N, C-alpha and C. Protein backbone atom coordinates (compact mmCIF):
# COMPACT_ATOMS: atom_id res chain seq x y z
N MET A 1 -27.89 -23.27 33.44
CA MET A 1 -28.26 -22.28 32.97
C MET A 1 -28.35 -21.61 31.88
N SER A 2 -28.80 -22.52 31.21
CA SER A 2 -28.60 -22.59 29.42
C SER A 2 -30.49 -21.67 29.23
N LYS A 3 -31.23 -22.08 30.70
CA LYS A 3 -32.43 -21.07 30.55
C LYS A 3 -32.33 -19.76 30.35
N GLY A 4 -31.62 -19.01 31.04
CA GLY A 4 -31.37 -17.67 30.66
C GLY A 4 -31.70 -16.87 29.20
N PRO A 5 -30.88 -17.44 28.60
CA PRO A 5 -31.49 -16.40 27.54
C PRO A 5 -32.54 -16.14 26.71
N PRO A 6 -33.62 -17.20 26.61
CA PRO A 6 -34.83 -17.00 25.81
C PRO A 6 -35.55 -16.04 26.95
N HIS A 7 -35.35 -15.72 28.33
CA HIS A 7 -36.03 -15.06 29.45
C HIS A 7 -35.60 -13.85 28.66
N TRP A 8 -34.57 -13.12 28.31
CA TRP A 8 -34.39 -11.82 28.06
C TRP A 8 -35.20 -11.46 27.04
N TRP A 9 -35.69 -11.82 26.34
CA TRP A 9 -36.64 -11.22 25.00
C TRP A 9 -37.80 -10.67 25.36
N ARG A 10 -38.17 -11.89 26.72
CA ARG A 10 -39.59 -11.36 27.05
C ARG A 10 -39.94 -10.04 28.30
N ILE A 11 -38.43 -9.83 28.58
CA ILE A 11 -38.25 -8.54 29.45
C ILE A 11 -37.74 -6.93 28.65
N VAL A 12 -37.32 -7.77 27.02
CA VAL A 12 -37.30 -6.48 26.05
C VAL A 12 -38.82 -6.34 25.34
N VAL A 13 -39.17 -7.44 25.54
CA VAL A 13 -40.67 -7.47 24.46
C VAL A 13 -41.56 -6.47 25.59
N VAL A 14 -41.50 -6.70 27.05
CA VAL A 14 -42.52 -5.91 27.11
C VAL A 14 -41.87 -4.24 27.74
N THR A 15 -40.75 -4.32 27.45
CA THR A 15 -39.94 -2.69 27.69
C THR A 15 -40.47 -1.89 26.02
N ILE A 16 -40.28 -2.64 24.84
CA ILE A 16 -41.11 -2.23 23.98
C ILE A 16 -42.49 -1.88 24.15
N ALA A 17 -42.93 -2.81 24.14
CA ALA A 17 -44.64 -2.80 24.54
C ALA A 17 -45.26 -1.77 25.48
N ALA A 18 -44.42 -1.22 26.43
CA ALA A 18 -44.65 -0.23 27.11
C ALA A 18 -44.31 1.28 26.43
N GLY A 19 -43.44 0.86 25.75
CA GLY A 19 -43.01 2.53 24.96
C GLY A 19 -43.94 2.64 24.02
N LEU A 20 -44.63 1.80 22.99
CA LEU A 20 -45.46 2.25 21.96
C LEU A 20 -46.86 2.54 23.00
N LEU A 21 -47.07 1.85 23.90
CA LEU A 21 -48.38 2.17 24.09
C LEU A 21 -48.16 3.65 25.06
N SER A 22 -47.10 3.70 25.25
CA SER A 22 -46.12 5.94 25.65
C SER A 22 -46.29 6.03 24.63
N ALA A 23 -45.91 5.74 23.55
CA ALA A 23 -46.28 6.34 22.36
C ALA A 23 -47.59 6.65 21.98
N ALA A 24 -48.44 5.66 22.09
CA ALA A 24 -49.84 5.81 21.47
C ALA A 24 -50.58 6.67 22.18
N CYS A 25 -50.56 6.63 23.60
CA CYS A 25 -51.32 7.61 24.45
C CYS A 25 -50.79 8.96 25.08
N GLY A 26 -49.04 8.58 25.28
CA GLY A 26 -48.49 9.96 25.55
C GLY A 26 -48.73 11.43 25.78
N SER A 27 -49.42 11.67 24.37
CA SER A 27 -49.75 13.04 24.14
C SER A 27 -51.19 13.62 24.92
N SER A 28 -51.32 12.66 25.79
CA SER A 28 -53.09 13.42 26.27
C SER A 28 -52.96 14.64 26.99
N THR A 29 -53.81 15.19 27.60
CA THR A 29 -53.88 16.44 28.42
C THR A 29 -53.72 16.23 29.50
N THR A 30 -53.09 15.25 30.22
CA THR A 30 -52.76 14.82 31.48
C THR A 30 -51.44 15.37 31.56
N SER A 31 -50.73 15.98 32.83
CA SER A 31 -49.35 15.76 32.82
C SER A 31 -48.41 15.13 33.25
N SER A 32 -47.85 14.46 32.88
CA SER A 32 -47.02 13.56 33.37
C SER A 32 -45.59 13.90 33.26
N GLY A 33 -44.38 13.64 34.65
CA GLY A 33 -43.38 14.03 35.25
C GLY A 33 -42.08 13.72 33.56
N GLY A 34 -42.34 12.68 33.06
CA GLY A 34 -41.45 12.31 32.09
C GLY A 34 -41.56 12.17 30.80
N GLY A 35 -42.41 11.34 30.11
CA GLY A 35 -42.71 11.11 29.08
C GLY A 35 -41.92 11.30 27.88
N ALA A 36 -42.58 11.14 26.78
CA ALA A 36 -41.50 11.77 25.50
C ALA A 36 -42.06 13.34 25.17
N PRO A 37 -40.68 13.58 24.66
CA PRO A 37 -40.15 14.87 24.78
C PRO A 37 -41.18 15.48 23.67
N ALA A 38 -41.22 16.35 23.79
CA ALA A 38 -42.68 17.35 22.71
C ALA A 38 -41.89 17.86 21.43
N SER A 39 -42.56 17.68 20.24
CA SER A 39 -42.07 18.25 19.69
C SER A 39 -42.57 19.61 18.92
N PRO A 40 -41.67 20.57 19.41
CA PRO A 40 -42.00 22.21 18.99
C PRO A 40 -42.17 22.37 17.17
N THR A 41 -41.75 21.61 16.72
CA THR A 41 -41.65 21.95 15.11
C THR A 41 -42.74 21.51 14.43
N HIS A 42 -43.49 22.05 14.01
CA HIS A 42 -44.77 21.64 13.68
C HIS A 42 -44.84 21.87 12.30
N SER A 43 -43.74 21.71 11.32
CA SER A 43 -43.76 22.18 9.84
C SER A 43 -44.65 23.51 9.15
N SER A 44 -44.72 23.69 8.39
CA SER A 44 -46.01 24.54 8.31
C SER A 44 -47.28 24.55 7.45
N ALA A 45 -47.61 23.41 8.39
CA ALA A 45 -49.49 22.96 8.76
C ALA A 45 -50.08 24.34 10.02
N ALA A 46 -51.16 24.99 9.82
CA ALA A 46 -51.79 25.44 10.68
C ALA A 46 -52.25 24.79 11.66
N PRO A 47 -52.02 24.73 13.00
CA PRO A 47 -52.84 23.70 13.75
C PRO A 47 -54.41 24.01 13.85
N THR A 48 -54.54 25.53 13.32
CA THR A 48 -56.19 26.19 13.59
C THR A 48 -56.62 25.56 12.22
N SER A 49 -56.22 24.73 11.43
CA SER A 49 -57.42 24.39 10.20
C SER A 49 -58.26 22.99 10.68
N PRO A 50 -59.27 23.88 10.28
CA PRO A 50 -60.62 22.72 10.13
C PRO A 50 -60.82 21.89 9.74
N ALA A 51 -59.75 21.06 8.86
CA ALA A 51 -59.46 19.82 7.92
C ALA A 51 -60.30 19.09 8.32
N ALA A 52 -60.32 18.87 9.65
CA ALA A 52 -61.12 17.06 10.74
C ALA A 52 -61.81 17.46 11.70
N SER A 53 -62.40 17.39 12.07
CA SER A 53 -62.99 17.04 13.77
C SER A 53 -62.92 15.86 14.19
N PRO A 54 -62.74 15.54 15.31
CA PRO A 54 -63.01 14.03 15.78
C PRO A 54 -63.49 12.53 15.55
N ALA A 55 -64.86 13.63 14.58
CA ALA A 55 -65.95 12.95 13.83
C ALA A 55 -65.95 12.56 12.70
N SER A 56 -64.85 13.43 11.90
CA SER A 56 -64.44 13.08 10.45
C SER A 56 -64.00 11.67 10.41
N PRO A 57 -63.99 11.45 9.19
CA PRO A 57 -63.58 9.76 8.56
C PRO A 57 -62.18 9.99 8.86
N VAL A 58 -61.67 11.11 8.73
CA VAL A 58 -60.14 11.06 8.77
C VAL A 58 -59.52 10.57 10.38
N CYS A 59 -60.78 11.13 10.88
CA CYS A 59 -60.09 10.48 12.76
C CYS A 59 -60.89 9.76 13.03
N GLN A 60 -61.73 9.03 12.48
CA GLN A 60 -62.16 7.77 12.50
C GLN A 60 -60.91 6.37 12.12
N ASP A 61 -60.22 7.12 11.16
CA ASP A 61 -59.14 6.17 10.15
C ASP A 61 -58.30 6.20 11.32
N VAL A 62 -58.14 6.97 12.20
CA VAL A 62 -56.45 7.22 12.75
C VAL A 62 -57.20 6.44 14.25
N ALA A 63 -58.56 6.73 14.58
CA ALA A 63 -58.72 5.79 15.88
C ALA A 63 -58.59 4.49 15.70
N ALA A 64 -58.70 3.61 14.16
CA ALA A 64 -58.90 2.94 14.21
C ALA A 64 -57.40 2.17 13.86
N LEU A 65 -56.57 3.02 13.31
CA LEU A 65 -55.81 2.59 13.36
C LEU A 65 -54.59 2.59 14.37
N ARG A 66 -54.91 3.46 14.96
CA ARG A 66 -54.53 3.49 16.72
C ARG A 66 -55.08 2.08 17.85
N THR A 67 -55.79 1.94 17.31
CA THR A 67 -56.64 0.30 17.90
C THR A 67 -55.96 -0.85 17.59
N SER A 68 -55.68 -0.64 15.79
CA SER A 68 -54.68 -1.96 15.31
C SER A 68 -53.78 -1.87 15.70
N LEU A 69 -52.57 -0.91 16.13
CA LEU A 69 -51.63 -0.53 16.40
C LEU A 69 -51.37 -1.26 17.93
N ASN A 70 -52.16 -0.59 18.69
CA ASN A 70 -52.11 -1.21 20.18
C ASN A 70 -52.62 -3.00 20.49
N THR A 71 -52.92 -3.55 19.52
CA THR A 71 -53.34 -4.39 19.25
C THR A 71 -51.47 -5.58 18.88
N LEU A 72 -51.37 -4.96 17.62
CA LEU A 72 -50.02 -5.60 17.39
C LEU A 72 -48.59 -5.02 18.59
N THR A 73 -48.88 -3.98 19.48
CA THR A 73 -48.09 -4.04 20.53
C THR A 73 -47.91 -4.45 21.49
N HIS A 74 -48.75 -5.29 21.77
CA HIS A 74 -49.26 -6.46 22.92
C HIS A 74 -49.31 -7.72 22.68
N VAL A 75 -48.09 -7.87 21.78
CA VAL A 75 -48.27 -9.67 21.60
C VAL A 75 -46.56 -9.58 21.55
N LYS A 76 -46.45 -10.79 22.19
CA LYS A 76 -45.02 -11.46 22.53
C LYS A 76 -44.48 -11.99 21.31
N ILE A 77 -42.95 -11.35 21.04
CA ILE A 77 -42.56 -12.24 19.81
C ILE A 77 -41.76 -12.97 20.32
N GLY A 78 -41.87 -14.59 19.54
CA GLY A 78 -41.22 -15.45 19.33
C GLY A 78 -41.49 -16.46 18.86
N LYS A 79 -41.21 -17.32 18.65
CA LYS A 79 -41.19 -18.72 17.56
C LYS A 79 -42.47 -18.69 17.09
N GLY A 80 -43.18 -19.23 18.07
CA GLY A 80 -44.18 -19.89 18.42
C GLY A 80 -45.49 -18.60 17.69
N THR A 81 -45.60 -17.22 17.58
CA THR A 81 -46.21 -16.29 17.81
C THR A 81 -46.24 -15.24 16.17
N VAL A 82 -45.61 -15.87 15.47
CA VAL A 82 -45.21 -15.41 14.03
C VAL A 82 -46.47 -15.53 13.24
N ASP A 83 -47.23 -16.45 13.53
CA ASP A 83 -48.69 -15.92 12.46
C ASP A 83 -49.47 -14.96 13.11
N GLU A 84 -49.39 -14.75 13.96
CA GLU A 84 -50.38 -13.83 15.26
C GLU A 84 -50.31 -12.42 14.94
N ILE A 85 -48.32 -12.54 14.82
CA ILE A 85 -48.38 -10.99 14.26
C ILE A 85 -48.22 -10.57 13.19
N GLN A 86 -48.12 -11.75 12.09
CA GLN A 86 -48.30 -11.31 10.74
C GLN A 86 -50.17 -10.96 10.50
N SER A 87 -50.55 -11.59 11.11
CA SER A 87 -51.74 -11.11 11.09
C SER A 87 -52.26 -9.64 11.42
N ASP A 88 -51.47 -9.23 12.51
CA ASP A 88 -51.41 -8.09 13.56
C ASP A 88 -51.18 -7.34 12.71
N VAL A 89 -49.98 -7.19 11.67
CA VAL A 89 -48.96 -6.48 10.59
C VAL A 89 -50.37 -6.38 9.79
N ALA A 90 -50.91 -7.26 9.06
CA ALA A 90 -51.57 -6.86 7.72
C ALA A 90 -52.98 -6.30 8.46
N ASP A 91 -53.52 -6.25 9.46
CA ASP A 91 -54.52 -5.14 9.66
C ASP A 91 -53.80 -3.98 9.67
N VAL A 92 -52.70 -3.97 11.14
CA VAL A 92 -52.31 -2.51 11.15
C VAL A 92 -52.41 -1.39 9.22
N GLN A 93 -51.77 -2.19 8.42
CA GLN A 93 -51.22 -1.83 6.91
C GLN A 93 -52.91 -1.46 6.34
N ALA A 94 -53.78 -2.25 6.53
CA ALA A 94 -55.11 -2.10 6.34
C ALA A 94 -55.84 -0.73 6.48
N LYS A 95 -55.86 -0.52 8.07
CA LYS A 95 -55.92 0.61 8.44
C LYS A 95 -55.19 1.77 8.47
N LEU A 96 -53.69 1.43 7.75
CA LEU A 96 -53.16 2.59 7.47
C LEU A 96 -53.35 2.99 6.10
N SER A 97 -53.70 1.95 4.85
CA SER A 97 -54.27 2.27 3.65
C SER A 97 -55.19 3.10 4.11
N ALA A 98 -56.29 2.65 4.71
CA ALA A 98 -57.31 3.27 4.88
C ALA A 98 -57.69 4.47 4.90
N LEU A 99 -56.29 5.10 5.91
CA LEU A 99 -56.13 6.43 6.46
C LEU A 99 -55.65 7.47 5.61
N ILE A 100 -54.50 6.57 4.82
CA ILE A 100 -53.60 7.09 3.46
C ILE A 100 -54.97 7.60 2.69
N ALA A 101 -55.70 7.00 2.47
CA ALA A 101 -57.00 7.31 1.05
C ALA A 101 -57.70 8.42 1.55
N THR A 102 -57.62 8.24 2.80
CA THR A 102 -58.61 8.88 3.50
C THR A 102 -58.50 10.55 3.66
N ALA A 103 -57.26 10.75 4.38
CA ALA A 103 -55.96 11.94 4.37
C ALA A 103 -55.76 12.66 3.34
N LYS A 104 -55.93 12.41 2.31
CA LYS A 104 -55.46 12.61 0.55
C LYS A 104 -53.74 12.86 1.08
N GLY A 105 -52.68 12.47 1.05
CA GLY A 105 -51.67 13.68 1.36
C GLY A 105 -51.29 14.29 2.36
N GLU A 106 -52.41 14.18 3.10
CA GLU A 106 -51.67 14.72 5.02
C GLU A 106 -51.14 13.63 5.24
N TRP A 107 -49.99 14.05 6.39
CA TRP A 107 -49.28 13.38 7.00
C TRP A 107 -48.75 12.37 6.48
N GLN A 108 -48.51 12.99 4.98
CA GLN A 108 -47.37 11.83 4.15
C GLN A 108 -46.10 11.13 4.66
N ALA A 109 -44.89 12.22 4.83
CA ALA A 109 -44.19 11.80 5.65
C ALA A 109 -44.23 10.68 6.56
N GLN A 110 -44.94 10.82 7.79
CA GLN A 110 -45.52 10.20 8.62
C GLN A 110 -46.24 8.57 8.55
N THR A 111 -46.79 8.49 7.31
CA THR A 111 -47.76 7.32 7.16
C THR A 111 -46.11 6.74 6.13
N SER A 112 -45.84 7.38 5.29
CA SER A 112 -44.57 6.91 4.70
C SER A 112 -43.86 6.12 5.41
N ALA A 113 -43.32 7.03 6.51
CA ALA A 113 -42.28 6.16 7.79
C ALA A 113 -43.20 4.87 8.10
N LEU A 114 -44.25 4.79 8.51
CA LEU A 114 -44.75 3.78 8.89
C LEU A 114 -44.70 2.92 8.10
N GLN A 115 -45.36 3.37 7.27
CA GLN A 115 -45.19 1.85 5.90
C GLN A 115 -43.91 1.10 5.65
N SER A 116 -42.92 2.35 5.78
CA SER A 116 -41.57 1.33 5.83
C SER A 116 -40.86 0.82 6.70
N ALA A 117 -41.42 1.45 8.33
CA ALA A 117 -41.29 0.33 9.62
C ALA A 117 -41.72 -0.91 9.14
N LEU A 118 -42.71 -1.20 9.06
CA LEU A 118 -43.99 -2.39 9.09
C LEU A 118 -43.31 -3.28 8.00
N GLY A 119 -42.64 -2.64 6.75
CA GLY A 119 -42.03 -3.64 5.81
C GLY A 119 -40.78 -4.28 6.10
N LYS A 120 -40.32 -3.29 7.44
CA LYS A 120 -38.74 -4.12 7.84
C LYS A 120 -39.70 -4.84 8.85
N PHE A 121 -40.59 -4.82 9.50
CA PHE A 121 -41.14 -5.31 10.64
C PHE A 121 -41.21 -6.73 10.16
N LYS A 122 -42.00 -7.03 9.13
CA LYS A 122 -42.54 -7.97 8.35
C LYS A 122 -41.23 -9.07 7.55
N THR A 123 -40.24 -8.08 6.99
CA THR A 123 -38.93 -9.12 7.05
C THR A 123 -38.55 -9.42 8.52
N ALA A 124 -38.41 -9.34 9.25
CA ALA A 124 -37.81 -9.36 10.57
C ALA A 124 -38.44 -10.49 11.05
N LEU A 125 -39.75 -10.51 10.67
CA LEU A 125 -40.85 -11.31 11.50
C LEU A 125 -40.66 -12.88 10.13
N SER A 126 -40.57 -12.63 9.45
CA SER A 126 -40.17 -14.19 8.07
C SER A 126 -38.84 -14.26 8.52
N ASP A 127 -37.75 -13.85 9.19
CA ASP A 127 -36.71 -14.36 9.19
C ASP A 127 -36.68 -14.84 10.35
N LEU A 128 -37.50 -14.63 11.82
CA LEU A 128 -37.67 -15.42 13.01
C LEU A 128 -38.32 -16.48 12.39
N LYS A 129 -39.28 -16.50 11.51
CA LYS A 129 -40.24 -17.72 11.15
C LYS A 129 -38.99 -18.67 10.44
N ALA A 130 -38.63 -18.28 9.20
CA ALA A 130 -37.31 -19.18 9.31
C ALA A 130 -36.35 -19.79 9.85
N HIS A 131 -35.69 -18.79 10.46
CA HIS A 131 -34.57 -19.09 11.48
C HIS A 131 -34.85 -18.35 12.90
N PRO A 132 -35.83 -19.55 13.62
CA PRO A 132 -35.48 -19.28 15.07
C PRO A 132 -34.80 -19.07 15.86
N SER A 133 -34.56 -18.06 16.27
CA SER A 133 -33.13 -18.19 17.54
C SER A 133 -33.00 -16.42 17.93
N THR A 134 -32.43 -16.43 19.25
CA THR A 134 -32.39 -15.28 19.90
C THR A 134 -32.04 -13.87 18.81
N SER A 135 -31.16 -14.05 17.89
CA SER A 135 -30.37 -13.05 17.37
C SER A 135 -31.84 -11.84 16.25
N THR A 136 -32.22 -13.57 15.98
CA THR A 136 -33.86 -13.17 14.79
C THR A 136 -35.13 -12.61 15.32
N ILE A 137 -35.05 -12.84 16.62
CA ILE A 137 -35.94 -12.47 17.81
C ILE A 137 -35.63 -10.55 17.83
N SER A 138 -34.13 -10.99 18.65
CA SER A 138 -34.15 -9.53 18.97
C SER A 138 -34.11 -8.54 17.37
N GLY A 139 -33.71 -9.32 16.24
CA GLY A 139 -34.26 -8.19 15.17
C GLY A 139 -35.58 -8.10 15.01
N ALA A 140 -36.63 -8.75 15.52
CA ALA A 140 -37.90 -8.53 15.24
C ALA A 140 -38.19 -7.52 16.36
N VAL A 141 -37.72 -7.58 17.36
CA VAL A 141 -37.55 -6.53 19.07
C VAL A 141 -37.55 -5.34 17.91
N THR A 142 -36.35 -5.39 17.77
CA THR A 142 -36.07 -4.19 17.07
C THR A 142 -36.58 -3.40 16.38
N ALA A 143 -37.30 -4.16 14.99
CA ALA A 143 -37.90 -3.90 13.86
C ALA A 143 -38.98 -2.99 14.43
N LEU A 144 -39.90 -3.96 15.60
CA LEU A 144 -41.21 -3.51 16.10
C LEU A 144 -40.70 -1.78 16.80
N GLY A 145 -39.73 -1.77 17.43
CA GLY A 145 -39.21 -0.40 17.88
C GLY A 145 -39.27 0.67 17.13
N GLY A 146 -39.34 0.35 15.77
CA GLY A 146 -39.00 1.02 14.75
C GLY A 146 -40.44 1.52 14.31
N VAL A 147 -41.68 0.36 14.40
CA VAL A 147 -42.99 0.37 14.06
C VAL A 147 -43.36 1.34 14.98
N SER A 148 -43.23 1.27 16.37
CA SER A 148 -43.14 2.07 17.58
C SER A 148 -43.04 3.70 17.41
N ALA A 149 -41.94 3.70 17.07
CA ALA A 149 -41.21 5.22 16.96
C ALA A 149 -41.86 5.70 15.55
N ALA A 150 -42.44 5.55 14.31
CA ALA A 150 -43.10 5.59 13.06
C ALA A 150 -44.69 5.80 14.00
N ALA A 151 -45.22 4.99 14.37
CA ALA A 151 -46.26 5.39 14.86
C ALA A 151 -46.75 6.33 15.54
N GLY A 152 -45.96 7.09 16.47
CA GLY A 152 -45.97 8.09 17.58
C GLY A 152 -46.07 9.09 16.81
N SER A 153 -45.03 8.58 15.92
CA SER A 153 -45.13 10.53 14.80
C SER A 153 -46.43 10.76 14.32
N LEU A 154 -46.87 9.62 13.56
CA LEU A 154 -48.41 10.04 12.93
C LEU A 154 -49.31 10.33 14.08
N LEU A 155 -49.32 9.73 15.09
CA LEU A 155 -50.55 9.75 16.14
C LEU A 155 -50.56 10.92 16.58
N THR A 156 -49.00 11.43 16.74
CA THR A 156 -48.72 12.66 17.66
C THR A 156 -48.87 13.63 16.35
N ALA A 157 -48.58 13.38 14.78
CA ALA A 157 -48.98 14.38 14.00
C ALA A 157 -50.74 14.78 13.89
N ALA A 158 -51.44 13.46 13.60
CA ALA A 158 -52.82 13.46 13.91
C ALA A 158 -53.27 14.28 15.15
N GLY A 159 -52.61 14.12 16.07
CA GLY A 159 -53.08 15.16 17.09
C GLY A 159 -54.15 16.09 17.41
N PRO A 160 -53.41 16.88 16.82
CA PRO A 160 -54.05 18.63 16.75
C PRO A 160 -55.59 18.39 15.98
N GLN A 161 -56.19 17.47 15.02
CA GLN A 161 -56.63 17.33 14.23
C GLN A 161 -57.75 16.69 15.26
N CYS A 162 -57.04 15.53 15.26
CA CYS A 162 -58.25 14.47 16.43
C CYS A 162 -57.88 13.36 17.61
N GLY A 163 -57.46 14.48 18.19
CA GLY A 163 -56.92 14.44 19.64
C GLY A 163 -56.13 13.43 19.89
N SER A 164 -55.53 13.35 20.97
CA SER A 164 -54.21 12.06 21.02
C SER A 164 -54.89 10.66 21.37
N ALA A 165 -56.12 10.57 21.91
CA ALA A 165 -56.62 9.52 22.85
C ALA A 165 -58.55 9.32 21.78
N SER A 166 -58.71 9.09 20.41
CA SER A 166 -60.00 8.92 19.84
C SER A 166 -60.51 8.18 20.23
N PRO A 167 -61.83 7.70 21.11
CA PRO A 167 -62.37 6.55 21.48
C PRO A 167 -63.05 5.99 20.58
N SER A 168 -63.06 4.74 20.04
CA SER A 168 -63.88 4.03 19.01
C SER A 168 -64.64 3.05 19.39
N PRO A 169 -65.68 3.70 19.06
CA PRO A 169 -66.76 3.10 19.97
C PRO A 169 -67.44 1.30 19.68
N SER A 170 -66.98 1.80 18.35
CA SER A 170 -67.00 -0.23 17.43
C SER A 170 -66.07 -0.69 16.85
N ALA A 171 -65.00 -0.84 18.13
CA ALA A 171 -63.88 -1.43 18.45
C ALA A 171 -63.67 -2.79 17.62
């Protein structure tokens, strides 16, 4: 029965990945019974602001970040996948940096939260690479959950201007 513990993390990873996918795609126009709760507070930003259209550079960066986050969230966390995941994290960070530059301060709280969550995830991945164990896998899964939450918040904030599921034709 010593083969039991390594399998539990797969269940956790699948659950986290499903949550990330739900967060990234959950605010579409179709109604779903449960889903994530809608955030009724939109600070003081007016939703009628014509700051960006779905074809704008900001929205293109949002779409690229969404695609990159989707790739990151569909990996299996384990001691043999750390290098691949670190590469995916670097790609997300590059896309986030591009968005920050293009957005010029818009969604600053959300982009800062995502940067922080990515930093924690990178630390967890380093720990996993140096000391592979069920506890470091668990730590990485937890940190990925933080990335998921921060990403969901950013994508929700960008949704009124850029849509919740902007297609990216140049995948």
